[in-house]
């Protein structure tokens, strides 16, 4: 995946988080991809499940529920989506 594609995936993950969790005072361009979603934003497991379901539908990938606790930042989530896409071929 090129740097541009990776950047656009991070941006899209940020858009989904903002939209699904109704985050205020942040845009995809200002969202820090290293922000800890649980510790810094207070996202709980139900919020994360909602985001994962949207990502699965959009990117046609399947997250293993055991991986949910590792999905802590936009950067990590985008990398996981990329990895799942590569594995799916």
N, C-alpha and C. Protein backbone atom coordinates (compact mmCIF):
# COMPACT_ATOMS: atom_id res chain seq x y z
N UNK A 1 0.86 -1.18 0.00
CA UNK A 1 0.00 0.00 0.00
C UNK A 1 0.90 1.23 0.00
N UNK A 2 0.62 2.15 -0.87
CA UNK A 2 1.44 3.35 -0.94
C UNK A 2 1.17 4.25 0.26
N UNK A 3 2.08 5.21 0.47
CA UNK A 3 1.93 6.15 1.58
C UNK A 3 0.61 6.90 1.46
N UNK A 4 0.23 7.28 0.23
CA UNK A 4 -1.02 8.00 0.01
C UNK A 4 -2.21 7.14 0.37
N UNK A 5 -2.21 5.88 -0.07
CA UNK A 5 -3.31 4.97 0.26
C UNK A 5 -3.39 4.75 1.76
N UNK A 6 -2.23 4.58 2.40
CA UNK A 6 -2.21 4.37 3.84
C UNK A 6 -2.74 5.61 4.56
N UNK A 7 -2.35 6.79 4.10
CA UNK A 7 -2.84 8.03 4.68
C UNK A 7 -4.34 8.18 4.50
N UNK A 8 -4.83 7.80 3.33
CA UNK A 8 -6.27 7.92 3.09
C UNK A 8 -7.04 6.89 3.91
N UNK A 9 -6.45 5.73 4.18
CA UNK A 9 -7.13 4.75 5.02
C UNK A 9 -7.21 5.27 6.46
N UNK A 10 -6.11 5.85 6.95
CA UNK A 10 -6.13 6.43 8.29
C UNK A 10 -7.18 7.52 8.37
N UNK A 11 -7.25 8.32 7.32
CA UNK A 11 -8.24 9.41 7.29
C UNK A 11 -9.65 8.83 7.33
N UNK A 12 -9.88 7.76 6.56
CA UNK A 12 -11.21 7.14 6.52
C UNK A 12 -11.56 6.51 7.87
N UNK A 13 -10.60 5.88 8.51
CA UNK A 13 -10.84 5.31 9.84
C UNK A 13 -11.22 6.43 10.80
N UNK A 14 -10.50 7.55 10.72
CA UNK A 14 -10.82 8.70 11.57
C UNK A 14 -12.23 9.21 11.27
N UNK A 15 -12.60 9.29 9.98
CA UNK A 15 -13.96 9.73 9.60
C UNK A 15 -15.02 8.83 10.22
N UNK A 16 -14.79 7.52 10.15
CA UNK A 16 -15.75 6.56 10.70
C UNK A 16 -15.86 6.73 12.21
N UNK A 17 -14.73 6.87 12.88
CA UNK A 17 -14.76 7.08 14.33
C UNK A 17 -15.54 8.34 14.69
N UNK A 18 -15.25 9.42 14.00
CA UNK A 18 -15.92 10.69 14.28
C UNK A 18 -17.42 10.58 14.05
N UNK A 19 -17.79 9.97 12.93
CA UNK A 19 -19.20 9.85 12.58
C UNK A 19 -19.94 8.90 13.51
N UNK A 20 -19.41 7.70 13.70
CA UNK A 20 -20.12 6.68 14.48
C UNK A 20 -20.17 7.01 15.97
N UNK A 21 -19.15 7.67 16.47
CA UNK A 21 -19.09 7.97 17.89
C UNK A 21 -19.48 9.40 18.20
N UNK A 22 -19.89 10.13 17.14
CA UNK A 22 -20.35 11.50 17.29
C UNK A 22 -19.36 12.37 18.06
N UNK A 23 -18.08 12.25 17.66
CA UNK A 23 -17.04 13.04 18.29
C UNK A 23 -17.15 14.48 17.82
N UNK A 24 -16.95 15.39 18.74
CA UNK A 24 -17.07 16.81 18.42
C UNK A 24 -15.70 17.48 18.49
N UNK A 25 -15.59 18.61 17.86
CA UNK A 25 -14.37 19.43 17.90
C UNK A 25 -13.16 18.74 17.31
N UNK A 26 -13.39 17.82 16.38
CA UNK A 26 -12.29 17.14 15.70
C UNK A 26 -12.73 16.83 14.28
N UNK A 27 -11.79 16.89 13.35
CA UNK A 27 -12.05 16.54 11.96
C UNK A 27 -11.08 15.43 11.58
N UNK A 28 -11.33 14.77 10.46
CA UNK A 28 -10.37 13.75 10.02
C UNK A 28 -8.95 14.32 9.84
N UNK A 29 -8.87 15.58 9.46
CA UNK A 29 -7.56 16.20 9.26
C UNK A 29 -6.86 16.55 10.56
N UNK A 30 -7.62 16.77 11.63
CA UNK A 30 -7.01 17.14 12.90
C UNK A 30 -6.95 15.97 13.89
N UNK A 31 -7.54 14.84 13.53
CA UNK A 31 -7.54 13.67 14.41
C UNK A 31 -6.13 13.10 14.50
N UNK A 32 -5.59 13.01 15.69
CA UNK A 32 -4.25 12.47 15.91
C UNK A 32 -4.32 10.95 15.82
N UNK A 33 -3.65 10.38 14.81
CA UNK A 33 -3.75 8.94 14.56
C UNK A 33 -3.08 8.11 15.65
N UNK A 34 -2.38 8.78 16.59
CA UNK A 34 -1.75 8.06 17.69
C UNK A 34 -2.51 8.18 19.00
N UNK A 35 -3.65 8.89 18.98
CA UNK A 35 -4.47 9.04 20.19
C UNK A 35 -4.98 7.68 20.64
N UNK A 36 -4.80 7.36 21.91
CA UNK A 36 -5.31 6.11 22.45
C UNK A 36 -6.83 6.25 22.60
N UNK A 37 -7.55 5.45 21.84
CA UNK A 37 -9.00 5.58 21.77
C UNK A 37 -9.68 5.26 23.10
N UNK A 38 -9.13 4.33 23.85
CA UNK A 38 -9.73 3.95 25.13
C UNK A 38 -9.29 4.90 26.24
N UNK A 39 -7.98 5.06 26.39
CA UNK A 39 -7.46 5.86 27.50
C UNK A 39 -7.72 7.34 27.34
N UNK A 40 -7.62 7.86 26.11
CA UNK A 40 -7.74 9.30 25.90
C UNK A 40 -9.15 9.75 25.49
N UNK A 41 -9.87 8.88 24.78
CA UNK A 41 -11.21 9.27 24.31
C UNK A 41 -12.33 8.55 25.05
N UNK A 42 -11.98 7.54 25.83
CA UNK A 42 -12.99 6.84 26.61
C UNK A 42 -13.89 5.92 25.80
N UNK A 43 -13.40 5.46 24.66
CA UNK A 43 -14.19 4.55 23.83
C UNK A 43 -14.28 3.20 24.53
N UNK A 44 -15.50 2.67 24.62
CA UNK A 44 -15.69 1.37 25.27
C UNK A 44 -15.84 0.27 24.23
N UNK A 45 -16.03 -0.94 24.70
CA UNK A 45 -16.08 -2.09 23.80
C UNK A 45 -17.27 -2.02 22.84
N UNK A 46 -18.38 -1.48 23.27
CA UNK A 46 -19.55 -1.35 22.39
C UNK A 46 -19.26 -0.34 21.27
N UNK A 47 -18.61 0.77 21.63
CA UNK A 47 -18.22 1.76 20.62
C UNK A 47 -17.28 1.13 19.60
N UNK A 48 -16.30 0.40 20.09
CA UNK A 48 -15.33 -0.21 19.21
C UNK A 48 -15.99 -1.25 18.31
N UNK A 49 -16.92 -2.01 18.85
CA UNK A 49 -17.64 -2.99 18.04
C UNK A 49 -18.40 -2.31 16.91
N UNK A 50 -19.01 -1.18 17.19
CA UNK A 50 -19.72 -0.42 16.16
C UNK A 50 -18.77 -0.01 15.05
N UNK A 51 -17.62 0.52 15.43
CA UNK A 51 -16.63 0.96 14.45
C UNK A 51 -16.13 -0.24 13.63
N UNK A 52 -15.85 -1.34 14.29
CA UNK A 52 -15.36 -2.54 13.60
C UNK A 52 -16.39 -3.03 12.59
N UNK A 53 -17.66 -3.04 12.95
CA UNK A 53 -18.71 -3.48 12.03
C UNK A 53 -18.75 -2.61 10.78
N UNK A 54 -18.61 -1.31 10.95
CA UNK A 54 -18.59 -0.40 9.80
C UNK A 54 -17.36 -0.68 8.93
N UNK A 55 -16.21 -0.85 9.55
CA UNK A 55 -14.98 -1.14 8.81
C UNK A 55 -15.09 -2.47 8.06
N UNK A 56 -15.65 -3.49 8.70
CA UNK A 56 -15.81 -4.79 8.05
C UNK A 56 -16.69 -4.66 6.81
N UNK A 57 -17.76 -3.89 6.92
CA UNK A 57 -18.65 -3.70 5.78
C UNK A 57 -18.00 -2.91 4.67
N UNK A 58 -17.26 -1.88 5.02
CA UNK A 58 -16.66 -1.02 4.01
C UNK A 58 -15.46 -1.66 3.32
N UNK A 59 -14.62 -2.33 4.08
CA UNK A 59 -13.38 -2.88 3.52
C UNK A 59 -13.47 -4.38 3.23
N UNK A 60 -14.61 -4.99 3.50
CA UNK A 60 -14.83 -6.42 3.21
C UNK A 60 -13.76 -7.28 3.87
N UNK A 61 -13.51 -7.00 5.16
CA UNK A 61 -12.57 -7.79 5.96
C UNK A 61 -13.30 -8.28 7.20
N UNK A 62 -12.70 -9.23 7.89
CA UNK A 62 -13.30 -9.78 9.11
C UNK A 62 -12.28 -9.69 10.23
N UNK A 63 -12.59 -8.89 11.24
CA UNK A 63 -11.73 -8.79 12.42
C UNK A 63 -12.04 -9.95 13.35
N UNK A 64 -11.00 -10.53 13.91
CA UNK A 64 -11.16 -11.54 14.96
C UNK A 64 -11.48 -10.79 16.25
N UNK A 65 -12.51 -11.22 16.95
CA UNK A 65 -12.90 -10.54 18.18
C UNK A 65 -11.76 -10.47 19.19
N UNK A 66 -10.86 -11.43 19.14
CA UNK A 66 -9.71 -11.42 20.05
C UNK A 66 -8.78 -10.24 19.77
N UNK A 67 -8.87 -9.66 18.57
CA UNK A 67 -7.99 -8.55 18.23
C UNK A 67 -8.54 -7.20 18.69
N UNK A 68 -9.79 -7.16 19.09
CA UNK A 68 -10.40 -5.88 19.48
C UNK A 68 -9.58 -5.11 20.52
N UNK A 69 -9.08 -5.75 21.57
CA UNK A 69 -8.32 -4.98 22.57
C UNK A 69 -7.05 -4.34 22.01
N UNK A 70 -6.56 -4.83 20.89
CA UNK A 70 -5.34 -4.26 20.30
C UNK A 70 -5.64 -3.06 19.41
N UNK A 71 -6.90 -2.82 19.10
CA UNK A 71 -7.29 -1.73 18.21
C UNK A 71 -7.38 -0.43 19.01
N UNK A 72 -6.22 0.12 19.32
CA UNK A 72 -6.15 1.23 20.27
C UNK A 72 -6.00 2.61 19.64
N UNK A 73 -5.54 2.67 18.39
CA UNK A 73 -5.34 3.96 17.73
C UNK A 73 -5.80 3.85 16.27
N UNK A 74 -6.00 4.98 15.64
CA UNK A 74 -6.35 4.99 14.22
C UNK A 74 -5.24 4.32 13.42
N UNK A 75 -4.00 4.60 13.77
CA UNK A 75 -2.86 4.01 13.05
C UNK A 75 -2.90 2.49 13.14
N UNK A 76 -3.15 1.94 14.32
CA UNK A 76 -3.21 0.49 14.51
C UNK A 76 -4.39 -0.11 13.74
N UNK A 77 -5.53 0.55 13.80
CA UNK A 77 -6.72 0.04 13.10
C UNK A 77 -6.48 0.02 11.60
N UNK A 78 -5.91 1.09 11.04
CA UNK A 78 -5.63 1.15 9.60
C UNK A 78 -4.65 0.05 9.20
N UNK A 79 -3.62 -0.17 10.02
CA UNK A 79 -2.66 -1.23 9.73
C UNK A 79 -3.31 -2.61 9.78
N UNK A 80 -4.22 -2.80 10.71
CA UNK A 80 -4.93 -4.09 10.82
C UNK A 80 -5.82 -4.31 9.60
N UNK A 81 -6.52 -3.28 9.15
CA UNK A 81 -7.35 -3.40 7.95
C UNK A 81 -6.47 -3.78 6.76
N UNK A 82 -5.33 -3.11 6.61
CA UNK A 82 -4.41 -3.41 5.52
C UNK A 82 -3.96 -4.86 5.58
N UNK A 83 -3.59 -5.31 6.78
CA UNK A 83 -3.13 -6.69 6.96
C UNK A 83 -4.23 -7.68 6.59
N UNK A 84 -5.45 -7.41 7.00
CA UNK A 84 -6.57 -8.29 6.69
C UNK A 84 -6.86 -8.32 5.20
N UNK A 85 -6.70 -7.18 4.53
CA UNK A 85 -6.92 -7.13 3.08
C UNK A 85 -5.87 -7.97 2.35
N UNK A 86 -4.63 -7.86 2.79
CA UNK A 86 -3.55 -8.63 2.17
C UNK A 86 -3.79 -10.12 2.39
N UNK A 87 -4.17 -10.49 3.60
CA UNK A 87 -4.42 -11.91 3.92
C UNK A 87 -5.58 -12.47 3.10
N UNK A 88 -6.57 -11.62 2.82
CA UNK A 88 -7.74 -12.06 2.06
C UNK A 88 -7.42 -12.19 0.58
N UNK A 89 -6.31 -11.56 0.18
CA UNK A 89 -5.85 -11.66 -1.20
C UNK A 89 -6.69 -10.90 -2.12
